Amino acid sequence: MKAHVTAIVESFEAEEITEAEALAKLQEITGRVVDAGWLRHYWNSQSLRDFVDRLCAGPIADWQQLTDDDAIRLIAEYFQTESPGRRDSVEDALDRRFGKPTGTLRDLIHQRDMSEPATILEELKRDTRIYL
C-alpha cells in the first residue's frame, strides 16, 4: 500500500493528477479523508516517507477496551518504533482511552520528559480536571 500511496503523492507533485484526483485516490486506498492542505504542504514538516507512513497507519482497534497491560505495552512500543504513523496511532488510542484535557501521551513524553511506561500510565489515569 505504501508504494501505491507514494506514487499518488508523487504524481500529484509532478502535476500528473489533480489535487481532487489525488485526494480521492488516497481516500480510496487508505480509507482516510486527507486534508488538502496537508497534502500540499506536508513537506514543510516531514519527509515523503513519514507522510506516507502516517497515511497508511491504521488506528488501534477497540481502544475503549485497552487494559492497563495493553497500555503499558503500547507505551513501550511508542518508544521503540521508528514509524511516525504507528506512534500517532498509539497516541490517538491512549489519548482517547484516558481522555483528558491535559497530560496527553505526547505531553508527558516530550514536555515532561517521562520515559517509564508504568509511570506514564499512572499519569494518564490521574484525573487532572478542575471541578468548580
C-alpha atoms as a PDB file:
ATOM      1  CA  MET A   1       0.000   0.000   0.000  1.00  0.00           C
ATOM      2  CA  LYS A   2       2.843   2.423   0.827  1.00  0.00           C
ATOM      3  CA  ALA A   3       4.265   2.175  -2.683  1.00  0.00           C
ATOM      4  CA  HIS A   4       0.865   2.963  -4.173  1.00  0.00           C
ATOM      5  CA  VAL A   5       0.303   5.932  -1.829  1.00  0.00           C
ATOM      6  CA  THR A   6       3.803   7.226  -2.589  1.00  0.00           C
ATOM      7  CA  ALA A   7       3.094   7.003  -6.317  1.00  0.00           C
ATOM      8  CA  ILE A   8      -0.110   9.013  -5.902  1.00  0.00           C
ATOM      9  CA  VAL A   9       1.622  11.758  -3.923  1.00  0.00           C
ATOM     10  CA  GLU A  10       4.480  11.900  -6.410  1.00  0.00           C
ATOM     11  CA  SER A  11       2.026  12.069  -9.326  1.00  0.00           C
ATOM     12  CA  PHE A  12       0.251  14.956  -7.630  1.00  0.00           C
ATOM     13  CA  GLU A  13       3.544  16.763  -7.020  1.00  0.00           C
ATOM     14  CA  ALA A  14       4.549  16.266 -10.669  1.00  0.00           C
ATOM     15  CA  GLU A  15       1.144  17.718 -11.662  1.00  0.00           C
ATOM     16  CA  GLU A  16       0.209  14.496 -13.457  1.00  0.00           C
ATOM     17  CA  ILE A  17      -3.051  14.294 -11.490  1.00  0.00           C
ATOM     18  CA  THR A  18      -5.187  16.999  -9.910  1.00  0.00           C
ATOM     19  CA  GLU A  19      -5.494  17.621  -6.216  1.00  0.00           C
ATOM     20  CA  ALA A  20      -9.064  16.302  -6.252  1.00  0.00           C
ATOM     21  CA  GLU A  21      -7.949  13.098  -8.010  1.00  0.00           C
ATOM     22  CA  ALA A  22      -5.096  12.609  -5.550  1.00  0.00           C
ATOM     23  CA  LEU A  23      -7.353  13.133  -2.536  1.00  0.00           C
ATOM     24  CA  ALA A  24      -9.977  10.735  -3.904  1.00  0.00           C
ATOM     25  CA  LYS A  25      -7.377   8.041  -4.645  1.00  0.00           C
ATOM     26  CA  LEU A  26      -5.763   8.444  -1.227  1.00  0.00           C
ATOM     27  CA  GLN A  27      -9.132   8.091   0.467  1.00  0.00           C
ATOM     28  CA  GLU A  28      -9.955   5.032  -1.614  1.00  0.00           C
ATOM     29  CA  ILE A  29      -6.678   3.316  -0.734  1.00  0.00           C
ATOM     30  CA  THR A  30      -6.217   4.363   2.893  1.00  0.00           C
ATOM     31  CA  GLY A  31      -9.816   4.776   3.975  1.00  0.00           C
ATOM     32  CA  ARG A  32      -8.914   8.188   5.397  1.00  0.00           C
ATOM     33  CA  VAL A  33     -10.092  11.626   4.392  1.00  0.00           C
ATOM     34  CA  VAL A  34      -6.886  13.550   3.703  1.00  0.00           C
ATOM     35  CA  ASP A  35      -6.864  17.287   4.192  1.00  0.00           C
ATOM     36  CA  ALA A  36      -5.894  19.131   1.016  1.00  0.00           C
ATOM     37  CA  GLY A  37      -3.618  21.495   2.921  1.00  0.00           C
ATOM     38  CA  TRP A  38      -1.788  18.570   4.469  1.00  0.00           C
ATOM     39  CA  LEU A  39      -1.245  17.046   1.021  1.00  0.00           C
ATOM     40  CA  ARG A  40       0.012  20.337  -0.427  1.00  0.00           C
ATOM     41  CA  HIS A  41       2.286  21.252   2.474  1.00  0.00           C
ATOM     42  CA  TYR A  42       3.353  18.035   4.246  1.00  0.00           C
ATOM     43  CA  TRP A  43       6.924  18.647   3.118  1.00  0.00           C
ATOM     44  CA  ASN A  44       7.168  21.682   5.413  1.00  0.00           C
ATOM     45  CA  SER A  45       7.432  19.412   8.440  1.00  0.00           C
ATOM     46  CA  GLN A  46       8.143  15.853   7.320  1.00  0.00           C
ATOM     47  CA  SER A  47       9.602  13.670   4.613  1.00  0.00           C
ATOM     48  CA  LEU A  48       7.562  11.923   1.948  1.00  0.00           C
ATOM     49  CA  ARG A  49       8.353   8.611   3.664  1.00  0.00           C
ATOM     50  CA  ASP A  50       6.967   9.843   7.013  1.00  0.00           C
ATOM     51  CA  PHE A  51       3.913  11.396   5.347  1.00  0.00           C
ATOM     52  CA  VAL A  52       3.115   8.120   3.577  1.00  0.00           C
ATOM     53  CA  ASP A  53       3.715   6.176   6.799  1.00  0.00           C
ATOM     54  CA  ARG A  54       1.197   8.369   8.604  1.00  0.00           C
ATOM     55  CA  LEU A  55      -1.368   7.980   5.813  1.00  0.00           C
ATOM     56  CA  CYS A  56      -1.004   4.196   5.784  1.00  0.00           C
ATOM     57  CA  ALA A  57      -1.008   3.583   9.536  1.00  0.00           C
ATOM     58  CA  GLY A  58      -4.247   2.099  10.761  1.00  0.00           C
ATOM     59  CA  PRO A  59      -5.929   3.018  14.028  1.00  0.00           C
ATOM     60  CA  ILE A  60      -5.721   0.762  17.053  1.00  0.00           C
ATOM     61  CA  ALA A  61      -8.958  -1.189  17.179  1.00  0.00           C
ATOM     62  CA  ASP A  62     -11.028  -1.417  20.342  1.00  0.00           C
ATOM     63  CA  TRP A  63      -9.213   1.400  22.138  1.00  0.00           C
ATOM     64  CA  GLN A  64     -12.125   1.506  24.598  1.00  0.00           C
ATOM     65  CA  GLN A  65     -11.195  -1.978  25.799  1.00  0.00           C
ATOM     66  CA  LEU A  66      -7.484  -1.333  26.426  1.00  0.00           C
ATOM     67  CA  THR A  67      -6.344  -2.746  29.760  1.00  0.00           C
ATOM     68  CA  ASP A  68      -3.500  -1.364  31.848  1.00  0.00           C
ATOM     69  CA  ASP A  69      -1.227  -4.102  30.495  1.00  0.00           C
ATOM     70  CA  ASP A  70      -2.203  -3.202  26.925  1.00  0.00           C
ATOM     71  CA  ALA A  71      -1.499   0.468  27.642  1.00  0.00           C
ATOM     72  CA  ILE A  72       1.937  -0.271  29.112  1.00  0.00           C
ATOM     73  CA  ARG A  73       2.760  -2.420  26.086  1.00  0.00           C
ATOM     74  CA  LEU A  74       1.669   0.367  23.720  1.00  0.00           C
ATOM     75  CA  ILE A  75       3.679   2.990  25.610  1.00  0.00           C
ATOM     76  CA  ALA A  76       6.772   0.765  25.419  1.00  0.00           C
ATOM     77  CA  GLU A  77       6.114   0.258  21.706  1.00  0.00           C
ATOM     78  CA  TYR A  78       5.839   4.029  21.262  1.00  0.00           C
ATOM     79  CA  PHE A  79       9.423   4.389  22.490  1.00  0.00           C
ATOM     80  CA  GLN A  80      10.722   1.531  20.346  1.00  0.00           C
ATOM     81  CA  THR A  81       9.067   2.157  16.991  1.00  0.00           C
ATOM     82  CA  GLU A  82      10.517   4.423  14.362  1.00  0.00           C
ATOM     83  CA  SER A  83       7.209   4.615  12.498  1.00  0.00           C
ATOM     84  CA  PRO A  84       5.611   8.048  12.917  1.00  0.00           C
ATOM     85  CA  GLY A  85       2.289   6.586  11.781  1.00  0.00           C
ATOM     86  CA  ARG A  86       2.365   3.911  14.464  1.00  0.00           C
ATOM     87  CA  ARG A  87       3.308   6.486  17.120  1.00  0.00           C
ATOM     88  CA  ASP A  88       0.337   8.609  16.001  1.00  0.00           C
ATOM     89  CA  SER A  89      -1.944   5.552  16.309  1.00  0.00           C
ATOM     90  CA  VAL A  90      -0.672   4.789  19.818  1.00  0.00           C
ATOM     91  CA  GLU A  91      -1.114   8.427  20.874  1.00  0.00           C
ATOM     92  CA  ASP A  92      -4.653   8.543  19.488  1.00  0.00           C
ATOM     93  CA  ALA A  93      -5.704   5.302  21.162  1.00  0.00           C
ATOM     94  CA  LEU A  94      -4.287   6.150  24.592  1.00  0.00           C
ATOM     95  CA  ASP A  95      -5.482   9.747  24.497  1.00  0.00           C
ATOM     96  CA  ARG A  96      -8.988   8.543  23.647  1.00  0.00           C
ATOM     97  CA  ARG A  97      -8.919   5.765  26.229  1.00  0.00           C
ATOM     98  CA  PHE A  98      -7.771   8.067  29.032  1.00  0.00           C
ATOM     99  CA  GLY A  99      -9.320  11.246  27.562  1.00  0.00           C
ATOM    100  CA  LYS A 100      -8.055  14.225  29.493  1.00  0.00           C
ATOM    101  CA  PRO A 101      -7.925  17.961  28.887  1.00  0.00           C
ATOM    102  CA  THR A 102      -4.195  17.985  29.739  1.00  0.00           C
ATOM    103  CA  GLY A 103      -1.481  15.382  30.174  1.00  0.00           C
ATOM    104  CA  THR A 104      -1.649  13.613  26.819  1.00  0.00           C
ATOM    105  CA  LEU A 105       0.878  10.931  25.961  1.00  0.00           C
ATOM    106  CA  ARG A 106       2.843  13.316  23.755  1.00  0.00           C
ATOM    107  CA  ASP A 107       2.952  15.962  26.508  1.00  0.00           C
ATOM    108  CA  LEU A 108       4.098  13.501  29.132  1.00  0.00           C
ATOM    109  CA  ILE A 109       6.905  12.161  26.967  1.00  0.00           C
ATOM    110  CA  HIS A 110       8.124  15.253  25.154  1.00  0.00           C
ATOM    111  CA  GLN A 111       7.392  18.074  27.584  1.00  0.00           C
ATOM    112  CA  ARG A 112       7.593  16.378  30.970  1.00  0.00           C
ATOM    113  CA  ASP A 113      10.400  14.057  29.809  1.00  0.00           C
ATOM    114  CA  MET A 114       8.813  10.908  31.224  1.00  0.00           C
ATOM    115  CA  SER A 115      10.156   7.596  29.948  1.00  0.00           C
ATOM    116  CA  GLU A 116       8.899   4.820  32.230  1.00  0.00           C
ATOM    117  CA  PRO A 117       5.744   3.203  30.755  1.00  0.00           C
ATOM    118  CA  ALA A 118       4.162   2.369  34.133  1.00  0.00           C
ATOM    119  CA  THR A 119       4.703   5.920  35.422  1.00  0.00           C
ATOM    120  CA  ILE A 120       3.288   7.379  32.216  1.00  0.00           C
ATOM    121  CA  LEU A 121       0.224   5.145  32.527  1.00  0.00           C
ATOM    122  CA  GLU A 122      -0.384   6.283  36.104  1.00  0.00           C
ATOM    123  CA  GLU A 123      -0.200   9.894  34.965  1.00  0.00           C
ATOM    124  CA  LEU A 124      -2.589   9.203  32.067  1.00  0.00           C
ATOM    125  CA  LYS A 125      -5.064   7.678  34.509  1.00  0.00           C
ATOM    126  CA  ARG A 126      -4.824  10.540  37.014  1.00  0.00           C
ATOM    127  CA  ASP A 127      -7.790  12.898  36.932  1.00  0.00           C
ATOM    128  CA  THR A 128      -6.469  16.379  36.135  1.00  0.00           C
ATOM    129  CA  ARG A 129      -9.804  18.110  35.597  1.00  0.00           C
ATOM    130  CA  ILE A 130     -10.645  21.163  37.649  1.00  0.00           C
ATOM    131  CA  TYR A 131     -14.069  20.929  39.224  1.00  0.00           C
ATOM    132  CA  LEU A 132     -15.979  24.116  40.058  1.00  0.00           C
END
